[in-house]
Amino acid sequence: MIALMAAEVVRRKDCWLSIENMAAVAGVCRSTAKNAIREAVRLGPQTVEERKTTGFR
């Protein structure tokens, strides 16, 4: 997971992949992806910005 985020940051200077996309690429479930992201934020200089969507989209 962390390697996927790092590769995306190197390629685009940021990572805009959704949790579902990252989980699919890494071959893990959504909760495992969320736990990996949470751990990466806790250990390093990464930050997470949530993009809220409305019910109407």
PDB file of N, CA and C in Angstrom:
ATOM      1  N   MET A   1       0.811  -1.196   0.000  1.00  0.00           N
ATOM      2  CA  MET A   1       0.000   0.000   0.000  1.00  0.00           C
ATOM      3  C   MET A   1       0.852   1.256   0.000  1.00  0.00           C
ATOM      4  N   ILE A   2       1.814   1.296   0.906  1.00  0.00           N
ATOM      5  CA  ILE A   2       2.640   2.487   1.013  1.00  0.00           C
ATOM      6  C   ILE A   2       3.482   2.663  -0.248  1.00  0.00           C
ATOM      7  N   ALA A   3       3.967   1.564  -0.800  1.00  0.00           N
ATOM      8  CA  ALA A   3       4.749   1.638  -2.040  1.00  0.00           C
ATOM      9  C   ALA A   3       3.880   2.146  -3.192  1.00  0.00           C
ATOM     10  N   LEU A   4       2.626   1.741  -3.232  1.00  0.00           N
ATOM     11  CA  LEU A   4       1.701   2.216  -4.258  1.00  0.00           C
ATOM     12  C   LEU A   4       1.482   3.720  -4.134  1.00  0.00           C
ATOM     13  N   MET A   5       1.280   4.194  -2.906  1.00  0.00           N
ATOM     14  CA  MET A   5       1.107   5.629  -2.697  1.00  0.00           C
ATOM     15  C   MET A   5       2.372   6.388  -3.077  1.00  0.00           C
ATOM     16  N   ALA A   6       3.533   5.856  -2.714  1.00  0.00           N
ATOM     17  CA  ALA A   6       4.799   6.513  -3.041  1.00  0.00           C
ATOM     18  C   ALA A   6       5.004   6.588  -4.549  1.00  0.00           C
ATOM     19  N   ALA A   7       4.691   5.514  -5.263  1.00  0.00           N
ATOM     20  CA  ALA A   7       4.840   5.514  -6.718  1.00  0.00           C
ATOM     21  C   ALA A   7       3.909   6.542  -7.361  1.00  0.00           C
ATOM     22  N   GLU A   8       2.725   6.664  -6.845  1.00  0.00           N
ATOM     23  CA  GLU A   8       1.769   7.640  -7.382  1.00  0.00           C
ATOM     24  C   GLU A   8       2.241   9.069  -7.111  1.00  0.00           C
ATOM     25  N   VAL A   9       2.817   9.297  -5.947  1.00  0.00           N
ATOM     26  CA  VAL A   9       3.331  10.634  -5.619  1.00  0.00           C
ATOM     27  C   VAL A   9       4.514  10.975  -6.519  1.00  0.00           C
ATOM     28  N   VAL A  10       5.396  10.019  -6.778  1.00  0.00           N
ATOM     29  CA  VAL A  10       6.532  10.270  -7.659  1.00  0.00           C
ATOM     30  C   VAL A  10       6.041  10.575  -9.073  1.00  0.00           C
ATOM     31  N   ARG A  11       5.022   9.849  -9.508  1.00  0.00           N
ATOM     32  CA  ARG A  11       4.520  10.018 -10.874  1.00  0.00           C
ATOM     33  C   ARG A  11       3.726  11.313 -11.050  1.00  0.00           C
ATOM     34  N   ARG A  12       2.848  11.656 -10.069  1.00  0.00           N
ATOM     35  CA  ARG A  12       1.938  12.790 -10.240  1.00  0.00           C
ATOM     36  C   ARG A  12       2.118  13.912  -9.232  1.00  0.00           C
ATOM     37  N   LYS A  13       3.036  13.755  -8.289  1.00  0.00           N
ATOM     38  CA  LYS A  13       3.286  14.715  -7.203  1.00  0.00           C
ATOM     39  C   LYS A  13       2.214  14.691  -6.119  1.00  0.00           C
ATOM     40  N   ASP A  14       1.210  13.858  -6.263  1.00  0.00           N
ATOM     41  CA  ASP A  14       0.212  13.627  -5.222  1.00  0.00           C
ATOM     42  C   ASP A  14      -0.496  12.318  -5.533  1.00  0.00           C
ATOM     43  N   CYS A  15      -1.308  11.843  -4.607  1.00  0.00           N
ATOM     44  CA  CYS A  15      -2.012  10.577  -4.804  1.00  0.00           C
ATOM     45  C   CYS A  15      -3.511  10.829  -4.663  1.00  0.00           C
ATOM     46  N   TRP A  16      -4.228  10.734  -5.764  1.00  0.00           N
ATOM     47  CA  TRP A  16      -5.672  10.956  -5.767  1.00  0.00           C
ATOM     48  C   TRP A  16      -6.454   9.669  -5.951  1.00  0.00           C
ATOM     49  N   LEU A  17      -5.812   8.527  -5.779  1.00  0.00           N
ATOM     50  CA  LEU A  17      -6.515   7.250  -5.912  1.00  0.00           C
ATOM     51  C   LEU A  17      -7.455   7.059  -4.726  1.00  0.00           C
ATOM     52  N   SER A  18      -8.588   6.464  -4.991  1.00  0.00           N
ATOM     53  CA  SER A  18      -9.516   6.180  -3.897  1.00  0.00           C
ATOM     54  C   SER A  18      -9.031   4.959  -3.126  1.00  0.00           C
ATOM     55  N   ILE A  19      -9.559   4.766  -1.953  1.00  0.00           N
ATOM     56  CA  ILE A  19      -9.187   3.611  -1.140  1.00  0.00           C
ATOM     57  C   ILE A  19      -9.529   2.326  -1.877  1.00  0.00           C
ATOM     58  N   GLU A  20     -10.674   2.298  -2.551  1.00  0.00           N
ATOM     59  CA  GLU A  20     -11.079   1.106  -3.286  1.00  0.00           C
ATOM     60  C   GLU A  20     -10.113   0.795  -4.421  1.00  0.00           C
ATOM     61  N   ASN A  21      -9.664   1.828  -5.149  1.00  0.00           N
ATOM     62  CA  ASN A  21      -8.703   1.624  -6.234  1.00  0.00           C
ATOM     63  C   ASN A  21      -7.369   1.116  -5.707  1.00  0.00           C
ATOM     64  N   MET A  22      -6.884   1.723  -4.636  1.00  0.00           N
ATOM     65  CA  MET A  22      -5.609   1.285  -4.071  1.00  0.00           C
ATOM     66  C   MET A  22      -5.696  -0.146  -3.559  1.00  0.00           C
ATOM     67  N   ALA A  23      -6.818  -0.491  -2.935  1.00  0.00           N
ATOM     68  CA  ALA A  23      -6.993  -1.852  -2.428  1.00  0.00           C
ATOM     69  C   ALA A  23      -7.023  -2.852  -3.572  1.00  0.00           C
ATOM     70  N   ALA A  24      -7.681  -2.510  -4.665  1.00  0.00           N
ATOM     71  CA  ALA A  24      -7.759  -3.419  -5.811  1.00  0.00           C
ATOM     72  C   ALA A  24      -6.390  -3.643  -6.442  1.00  0.00           C
ATOM     73  N   VAL A  25      -5.616  -2.576  -6.591  1.00  0.00           N
ATOM     74  CA  VAL A  25      -4.287  -2.698  -7.176  1.00  0.00           C
ATOM     75  C   VAL A  25      -3.370  -3.512  -6.262  1.00  0.00           C
ATOM     76  N   ALA A  26      -3.471  -3.281  -4.955  1.00  0.00           N
ATOM     77  CA  ALA A  26      -2.622  -3.989  -3.998  1.00  0.00           C
ATOM     78  C   ALA A  26      -3.107  -5.409  -3.737  1.00  0.00           C
ATOM     79  N   GLY A  27      -4.346  -5.707  -4.099  1.00  0.00           N
ATOM     80  CA  GLY A  27      -4.882  -7.047  -3.889  1.00  0.00           C
ATOM     81  C   GLY A  27      -5.286  -7.326  -2.457  1.00  0.00           C
ATOM     82  N   VAL A  28      -5.748  -6.287  -1.762  1.00  0.00           N
ATOM     83  CA  VAL A  28      -6.196  -6.431  -0.378  1.00  0.00           C
ATOM     84  C   VAL A  28      -7.616  -5.889  -0.262  1.00  0.00           C
ATOM     85  N   CYS A  29      -8.230  -6.113   0.892  1.00  0.00           N
ATOM     86  CA  CYS A  29      -9.584  -5.601   1.094  1.00  0.00           C
ATOM     87  C   CYS A  29      -9.527  -4.132   1.508  1.00  0.00           C
ATOM     88  N   ARG A  30     -10.667  -3.485   1.495  1.00  0.00           N
ATOM     89  CA  ARG A  30     -10.756  -2.056   1.784  1.00  0.00           C
ATOM     90  C   ARG A  30     -10.289  -1.732   3.202  1.00  0.00           C
ATOM     91  N   SER A  31     -10.653  -2.563   4.176  1.00  0.00           N
ATOM     92  CA  SER A  31     -10.269  -2.279   5.561  1.00  0.00           C
ATOM     93  C   SER A  31      -8.762  -2.414   5.758  1.00  0.00           C
ATOM     94  N   THR A  32      -8.122  -3.354   5.078  1.00  0.00           N
ATOM     95  CA  THR A  32      -6.674  -3.483   5.152  1.00  0.00           C
ATOM     96  C   THR A  32      -6.002  -2.251   4.555  1.00  0.00           C
ATOM     97  N   ALA A  33      -6.546  -1.748   3.462  1.00  0.00           N
ATOM     98  CA  ALA A  33      -6.007  -0.545   2.840  1.00  0.00           C
ATOM     99  C   ALA A  33      -6.142   0.654   3.781  1.00  0.00           C
ATOM    100  N   LYS A  34      -7.284   0.795   4.419  1.00  0.00           N
ATOM    101  CA  LYS A  34      -7.489   1.901   5.350  1.00  0.00           C
ATOM    102  C   LYS A  34      -6.529   1.802   6.530  1.00  0.00           C
ATOM    103  N   ASN A  35      -6.319   0.595   7.046  1.00  0.00           N
ATOM    104  CA  ASN A  35      -5.389   0.411   8.161  1.00  0.00           C
ATOM    105  C   ASN A  35      -3.962   0.751   7.748  1.00  0.00           C
ATOM    106  N   ALA A  36      -3.562   0.388   6.546  1.00  0.00           N
ATOM    107  CA  ALA A  36      -2.215   0.701   6.058  1.00  0.00           C
ATOM    108  C   ALA A  36      -2.033   2.203   5.904  1.00  0.00           C
ATOM    109  N   ILE A  37      -3.033   2.885   5.393  1.00  0.00           N
ATOM    110  CA  ILE A  37      -2.963   4.344   5.245  1.00  0.00           C
ATOM    111  C   ILE A  37      -2.883   5.008   6.614  1.00  0.00           C
ATOM    112  N   ARG A  38      -3.700   4.536   7.544  1.00  0.00           N
ATOM    113  CA  ARG A  38      -3.697   5.086   8.905  1.00  0.00           C
ATOM    114  C   ARG A  38      -2.311   4.911   9.546  1.00  0.00           C
ATOM    115  N   GLU A  39      -1.702   3.749   9.363  1.00  0.00           N
ATOM    116  CA  GLU A  39      -0.383   3.479   9.923  1.00  0.00           C
ATOM    117  C   GLU A  39       0.685   4.351   9.257  1.00  0.00           C
ATOM    118  N   ALA A  40       0.591   4.550   7.942  1.00  0.00           N
ATOM    119  CA  ALA A  40       1.554   5.391   7.232  1.00  0.00           C
ATOM    120  C   ALA A  40       1.481   6.831   7.726  1.00  0.00           C
ATOM    121  N   VAL A  41       0.294   7.320   7.978  1.00  0.00           N
ATOM    122  CA  VAL A  41       0.132   8.688   8.483  1.00  0.00           C
ATOM    123  C   VAL A  41       0.702   8.794   9.887  1.00  0.00           C
ATOM    124  N   ARG A  42       0.505   7.753  10.685  1.00  0.00           N
ATOM    125  CA  ARG A  42       1.010   7.760  12.056  1.00  0.00           C
ATOM    126  C   ARG A  42       2.538   7.752  12.092  1.00  0.00           C
ATOM    127  N   LEU A  43       3.168   7.012  11.198  1.00  0.00           N
ATOM    128  CA  LEU A  43       4.621   6.845  11.221  1.00  0.00           C
ATOM    129  C   LEU A  43       5.400   7.915  10.467  1.00  0.00           C
ATOM    130  N   GLY A  44       4.819   8.503   9.445  1.00  0.00           N
ATOM    131  CA  GLY A  44       5.617   9.370   8.594  1.00  0.00           C
ATOM    132  C   GLY A  44       5.021  10.730   8.348  1.00  0.00           C
ATOM    133  N   PRO A  45       5.605  11.431   7.390  1.00  0.00           N
ATOM    134  CA  PRO A  45       5.168  12.795   7.095  1.00  0.00           C
ATOM    135  C   PRO A  45       3.963  12.857   6.158  1.00  0.00           C
ATOM    136  N   GLN A  46       3.274  11.745   5.912  1.00  0.00           N
ATOM    137  CA  GLN A  46       2.122  11.738   5.018  1.00  0.00           C
ATOM    138  C   GLN A  46       0.918  12.364   5.712  1.00  0.00           C
ATOM    139  N   THR A  47       0.058  12.931   4.907  1.00  0.00           N
ATOM    140  CA  THR A  47      -1.207  13.452   5.411  1.00  0.00           C
ATOM    141  C   THR A  47      -2.332  12.891   4.551  1.00  0.00           C
ATOM    142  N   VAL A  48      -3.521  12.899   5.095  1.00  0.00           N
ATOM    143  CA  VAL A  48      -4.690  12.408   4.375  1.00  0.00           C
ATOM    144  C   VAL A  48      -5.709  13.528   4.324  1.00  0.00           C
ATOM    145  N   GLU A  49      -6.236  13.767   3.141  1.00  0.00           N
ATOM    146  CA  GLU A  49      -7.284  14.756   2.958  1.00  0.00           C
ATOM    147  C   GLU A  49      -8.505  14.028   2.424  1.00  0.00           C
ATOM    148  N   GLU A  50      -9.588  14.048   3.187  1.00  0.00           N
ATOM    149  CA  GLU A  50     -10.801  13.356   2.766  1.00  0.00           C
ATOM    150  C   GLU A  50     -11.612  14.244   1.848  1.00  0.00           C
ATOM    151  N   ARG A  51     -12.117  13.642   0.790  1.00  0.00           N
ATOM    152  CA  ARG A  51     -12.976  14.356  -0.143  1.00  0.00           C
ATOM    153  C   ARG A  51     -14.408  13.930   0.128  1.00  0.00           C
ATOM    154  N   LYS A  52     -15.156  14.788   0.728  1.00  0.00           N
ATOM    155  CA  LYS A  52     -16.555  14.489   1.056  1.00  0.00           C
ATOM    156  C   LYS A  52     -17.424  14.627  -0.193  1.00  0.00           C
ATOM    157  N   THR A  53     -18.392  13.736  -0.332  1.00  0.00           N
ATOM    158  CA  THR A  53     -19.345  13.824  -1.433  1.00  0.00           C
ATOM    159  C   THR A  53     -20.732  14.000  -0.835  1.00  0.00           C
ATOM    160  N   THR A  54     -21.581  14.670  -1.578  1.00  0.00           N
ATOM    161  CA  THR A  54     -22.948  14.862  -1.116  1.00  0.00           C
ATOM    162  C   THR A  54     -23.785  13.651  -1.514  1.00  0.00           C
ATOM    163  N   GLY A  55     -24.962  13.573  -0.975  1.00  0.00           N
ATOM    164  CA  GLY A  55     -25.862  12.485  -1.312  1.00  0.00           C
ATOM    165  C   GLY A  55     -26.392  12.577  -2.731  1.00  0.00           C
ATOM    166  N   PHE A  56     -26.342  13.754  -3.330  1.00  0.00           N
ATOM    167  CA  PHE A  56     -26.887  13.955  -4.667  1.00  0.00           C
ATOM    168  C   PHE A  56     -25.877  13.709  -5.787  1.00  0.00           C
ATOM    169  N   ARG A  57     -24.594  13.840  -5.463  1.00  0.00           N
ATOM    170  CA  ARG A  57     -23.497  13.671  -6.425  1.00  0.00           C
ATOM    171  C   ARG A  57     -23.743  14.519  -7.623  1.00  0.00           C
TER     172      ARG A  57
END
